[in-house]
Amino acid sequence: MMRTKVLYIEDEPFLGRIVKESLESRDFEVTMLDNGSTAIQVLHKIRPDICVLDIMLPYRDGYSIAKEIRQLNLSLPIIFVTAKIQTEDLLKGFNTGGNDYLRKPFSMEELIVRIQNLLQLTNQKKVFFDQGVFKIGEYEFNSLRYELRLGNAERKLSHREATLLLLLLENKNGTTNRKDILMKLWGDDSFFNSRNLDVYITKLRDYLKDDSSIEIITIKGIGYHFAVG
């Protein structure tokens, strides 16, 4: 059985060694770098299944690495591990392509659970993603390119916006549970992430407003009904 390949970039030697050895003891294959200068070259060489990135790195930070990774591969899971805890740091991490965000200090069990959850979600969505282009009322949504088109007008979506739209689309004309969305997009249903979800729902409503047959209806205490006429 093929081992899961992890590209791990961490500039703290002690923490890096602990994480690498812990993951390897659980049968992960780990390639570790202590700076961001060669991240993309190594990515091409080893073709990892998931990336775990610190943000504050020598030569090149985790944000810019994630942004380039996302341009090369839309579906490769990325987890940030960092001591940065400001709201703007989290939002920047998600907007540059991160799938999850783990604050230092963290337990190895939590990191492993988040890795496994992201890999499972990626595999579950692969068939759905592979369809590529979807019709949503008058809109055309390209899930591989993160593009939403209406006539000649085209909008680029962030990774998180596109993923949220896909989750709603999976239950078109049905209801998607709010907690399920939170767990799949952020890995927990904290108050902070719940408020983030409200912002993203508002954005999607705005993006889809030019087709009156489309509604994202809030079902209080449950989730969202994605109605497409």
Protein backbone atom coordinates (compact mmCIF):
# COMPACT_ATOMS: atom_id res chain seq x y z
CA MET A 1 0.00 0.00 0.00
CA MET A 2 1.31 3.43 -0.98
CA ARG A 3 2.16 5.70 1.93
CA THR A 4 0.67 9.19 2.08
CA LYS A 5 3.28 11.74 1.01
CA VAL A 6 3.54 14.91 3.10
CA LEU A 7 5.52 18.02 2.16
CA TYR A 8 6.28 19.67 5.52
CA ILE A 9 7.97 23.08 5.73
CA GLU A 10 9.00 24.24 9.20
CA ASP A 11 11.97 26.37 10.27
CA GLU A 12 11.94 25.40 13.97
CA PRO A 13 14.32 22.39 14.10
CA PHE A 14 13.01 20.88 17.35
CA LEU A 15 9.34 21.07 16.38
CA GLY A 16 10.11 19.95 12.84
CA ARG A 17 11.91 16.83 14.02
CA ILE A 18 9.08 15.89 16.41
CA VAL A 19 6.38 16.31 13.77
CA LYS A 20 8.36 14.50 11.08
CA GLU A 21 9.18 11.53 13.32
CA SER A 22 5.62 11.34 14.66
CA LEU A 23 4.12 11.30 11.17
CA GLU A 24 6.65 8.74 9.95
CA SER A 25 5.83 6.49 12.92
CA ARG A 26 2.25 6.49 11.64
CA ASP A 27 3.37 5.43 8.17
CA PHE A 28 3.39 8.81 6.44
CA GLU A 29 6.23 9.56 4.03
CA VAL A 30 7.52 13.01 5.03
CA THR A 31 9.76 15.37 3.09
CA MET A 32 10.74 18.26 5.37
CA LEU A 33 12.26 21.62 4.39
CA ASP A 34 13.44 24.32 6.80
CA ASN A 35 12.80 27.25 4.45
CA GLY A 36 10.59 28.15 1.50
CA SER A 37 13.23 28.73 -1.17
CA THR A 38 12.95 25.33 -2.89
CA ALA A 39 9.36 24.48 -2.01
CA ILE A 40 7.98 24.46 -5.56
CA GLN A 41 10.92 22.51 -6.99
CA VAL A 42 10.47 19.85 -4.30
CA LEU A 43 6.70 19.84 -4.88
CA HIS A 44 7.26 18.95 -8.55
CA LYS A 45 9.77 16.28 -7.60
CA ILE A 46 7.88 14.37 -4.89
CA ARG A 47 4.24 15.12 -5.87
CA PRO A 48 2.87 15.11 -2.29
CA ASP A 49 -0.64 14.15 -1.27
CA ILE A 50 -0.83 17.02 1.22
CA CYS A 51 1.24 20.05 2.28
CA VAL A 52 1.78 21.26 5.85
CA LEU A 53 3.26 24.77 5.85
CA ASP A 54 4.47 27.14 8.49
CA ILE A 55 3.77 30.78 7.57
CA MET A 56 6.85 32.60 8.86
CA LEU A 57 9.69 31.00 6.91
CA PRO A 58 13.12 32.13 5.72
CA TYR A 59 13.40 33.35 2.12
CA ARG A 60 9.75 32.83 1.25
CA ASP A 61 6.66 32.78 3.46
CA GLY A 62 3.95 30.14 3.55
CA TYR A 63 1.34 32.45 2.01
CA SER A 64 3.25 32.90 -1.24
CA ILE A 65 4.10 29.19 -1.39
CA ALA A 66 0.44 28.24 -0.94
CA LYS A 67 -0.65 30.74 -3.58
CA GLU A 68 1.72 29.26 -6.16
CA ILE A 69 0.79 25.69 -5.19
CA ARG A 70 -2.88 26.57 -5.70
CA GLN A 71 -2.10 27.94 -9.19
CA LEU A 72 -0.42 24.65 -10.06
CA ASN A 73 -2.88 22.30 -8.35
CA LEU A 74 -6.41 23.31 -7.34
CA SER A 75 -7.15 20.23 -5.26
CA LEU A 76 -3.91 19.58 -3.29
CA PRO A 77 -4.79 19.99 0.43
CA ILE A 78 -2.82 22.64 2.34
CA ILE A 79 -2.67 23.01 6.12
CA PHE A 80 -1.04 26.05 7.73
CA VAL A 81 0.60 25.56 11.14
CA THR A 82 1.57 28.85 12.77
CA ALA A 83 1.72 30.96 15.90
CA LYS A 84 0.01 33.84 14.07
CA ILE A 85 -3.48 34.17 15.52
CA GLN A 86 -4.90 37.46 14.23
CA THR A 87 -8.13 37.29 12.24
CA GLU A 88 -6.49 38.89 9.21
CA ASP A 89 -3.78 36.19 9.27
CA LEU A 90 -6.38 33.43 9.15
CA LEU A 91 -8.30 35.11 6.34
CA LYS A 92 -5.12 35.66 4.36
CA GLY A 93 -4.22 32.00 4.78
CA PHE A 94 -7.59 30.83 3.47
CA ASN A 95 -7.59 33.36 0.62
CA THR A 96 -4.17 32.23 -0.59
CA GLY A 97 -5.44 28.66 -0.92
CA GLY A 98 -5.18 27.08 2.50
CA ASN A 99 -7.74 24.42 3.45
CA ASP A 100 -7.10 24.38 7.18
CA TYR A 101 -5.28 26.35 9.86
CA LEU A 102 -3.70 24.89 13.01
CA ARG A 103 -2.38 27.18 15.74
CA LYS A 104 0.86 26.43 17.58
CA PRO A 105 1.24 24.75 19.97
CA PHE A 106 -0.79 21.82 18.67
CA SER A 107 -1.03 18.14 19.47
CA MET A 108 0.16 15.55 16.98
CA GLU A 109 -3.18 13.76 17.23
CA GLU A 110 -4.99 16.91 16.14
CA LEU A 111 -2.65 17.40 13.18
CA ILE A 112 -3.09 13.77 12.10
CA VAL A 113 -6.89 13.98 12.37
CA ARG A 114 -6.91 17.14 10.26
CA ILE A 115 -4.64 15.55 7.65
CA GLN A 116 -6.86 12.47 7.46
CA ASN A 117 -10.05 14.55 7.25
CA LEU A 118 -8.68 16.68 4.43
CA LEU A 119 -7.46 13.66 2.49
CA GLN A 120 -10.84 11.96 2.91
CA LEU A 121 -12.69 15.07 1.78
CA THR A 122 -10.38 15.42 -1.23
CA ASN A 123 -11.02 11.82 -2.28
CA GLN A 124 -14.78 12.11 -1.76
CA LYS A 125 -14.94 15.23 -3.90
CA LYS A 126 -12.64 13.99 -6.66
CA VAL A 127 -15.37 12.46 -8.82
CA PHE A 128 -17.54 15.51 -8.33
CA PHE A 129 -14.69 17.90 -9.13
CA ASP A 130 -13.73 15.91 -12.21
CA GLN A 131 -17.01 16.84 -13.85
CA GLY A 132 -15.46 20.28 -14.17
CA VAL A 133 -18.24 22.53 -15.46
CA PHE A 134 -21.73 22.91 -13.98
CA LYS A 135 -24.80 24.86 -15.02
CA ILE A 136 -26.37 26.83 -12.18
CA GLY A 137 -29.39 28.57 -13.64
CA GLU A 138 -28.00 31.07 -16.15
CA TYR A 139 -24.51 30.76 -14.70
CA GLU A 140 -21.69 28.41 -15.67
CA PHE A 141 -19.40 27.31 -12.85
CA ASN A 142 -15.99 25.84 -13.69
CA SER A 143 -14.93 24.07 -10.51
CA LEU A 144 -11.46 23.26 -11.85
CA ARG A 145 -10.62 26.85 -12.73
CA TYR A 146 -12.63 28.49 -9.92
CA GLU A 147 -14.58 30.57 -12.42
CA LEU A 148 -18.20 31.71 -12.37
CA ARG A 149 -19.50 32.98 -15.71
CA LEU A 150 -22.68 34.75 -16.76
CA GLY A 151 -22.70 35.51 -20.47
CA ASN A 152 -19.43 37.29 -21.19
CA ALA A 153 -18.89 38.32 -17.57
CA GLU A 154 -16.46 36.15 -15.62
CA ARG A 155 -15.62 36.15 -11.92
CA LYS A 156 -12.67 34.41 -10.32
CA LEU A 157 -13.57 32.71 -7.04
CA SER A 158 -11.24 32.03 -4.13
CA HIS A 159 -10.58 28.41 -3.20
CA ARG A 160 -12.94 28.64 -0.23
CA GLU A 161 -15.71 30.34 -2.23
CA ALA A 162 -15.50 27.66 -4.92
CA THR A 163 -15.52 24.85 -2.36
CA LEU A 164 -18.55 26.32 -0.58
CA LEU A 165 -20.41 26.65 -3.88
CA LEU A 166 -19.62 23.01 -4.66
CA LEU A 167 -20.93 21.89 -1.28
CA LEU A 168 -24.19 23.74 -1.91
CA LEU A 169 -24.33 22.44 -5.47
CA GLU A 170 -24.00 18.84 -4.26
CA ASN A 171 -27.38 19.39 -2.58
CA LYS A 172 -28.97 21.54 -5.29
CA ASN A 173 -32.66 22.13 -4.46
CA GLY A 174 -31.97 20.50 -1.11
CA THR A 175 -30.58 21.57 2.25
CA THR A 176 -26.94 21.48 3.34
CA ASN A 177 -26.29 21.28 7.08
CA ARG A 178 -24.45 24.32 8.44
CA LYS A 179 -22.26 22.29 10.78
CA ASP A 180 -21.28 19.95 7.93
CA ILE A 181 -20.13 22.96 5.92
CA LEU A 182 -18.12 24.32 8.84
CA MET A 183 -16.42 20.99 9.47
CA LYS A 184 -15.58 20.47 5.81
CA LEU A 185 -14.30 24.01 5.16
CA TRP A 186 -12.59 24.81 8.47
CA GLY A 187 -12.38 21.60 10.47
CA ASP A 188 -14.41 22.95 13.41
CA ASP A 189 -17.64 24.83 14.09
CA SER A 190 -16.27 27.60 16.32
CA PHE A 191 -17.98 30.98 16.63
CA PHE A 192 -15.21 32.61 14.59
CA ASN A 193 -15.58 30.16 11.71
CA SER A 194 -19.37 30.43 11.91
CA ARG A 195 -19.12 34.19 11.36
CA ASN A 196 -16.70 33.57 8.47
CA LEU A 197 -19.28 31.27 6.88
CA ASP A 198 -21.89 34.02 7.09
CA VAL A 199 -19.53 36.31 5.15
CA TYR A 200 -18.92 33.71 2.44
CA ILE A 201 -22.65 32.98 2.07
CA THR A 202 -23.28 36.71 1.62
CA LYS A 203 -20.58 36.83 -1.06
CA LEU A 204 -22.09 33.91 -2.99
CA ARG A 205 -25.54 35.48 -2.85
CA ASP A 206 -24.07 38.64 -4.33
CA TYR A 207 -22.23 36.72 -7.06
CA LEU A 208 -25.43 34.88 -8.08
CA LYS A 209 -27.86 37.79 -7.74
CA ASP A 210 -28.28 38.37 -11.48
CA ASP A 211 -30.37 35.20 -11.86
CA SER A 212 -33.59 35.55 -9.86
CA SER A 213 -34.24 31.80 -10.08
CA ILE A 214 -31.29 31.13 -7.73
CA GLU A 215 -31.63 31.51 -3.96
CA ILE A 216 -29.47 30.54 -1.01
CA ILE A 217 -32.08 30.36 1.74
CA THR A 218 -31.04 30.27 5.38
CA ILE A 219 -32.89 27.58 7.34
CA LYS A 220 -32.44 28.81 10.90
CA GLY A 221 -30.79 26.28 13.17
CA ILE A 222 -30.19 23.85 10.30
CA GLY A 223 -28.29 25.22 7.30
CA TYR A 224 -28.91 26.41 3.77
CA HIS A 225 -31.37 25.46 1.04
CA PHE A 226 -29.82 26.01 -2.40
CA ALA A 227 -32.77 26.63 -4.71
CA VAL A 228 -32.12 26.68 -8.46
CA GLY A 229 -35.12 27.13 -10.77
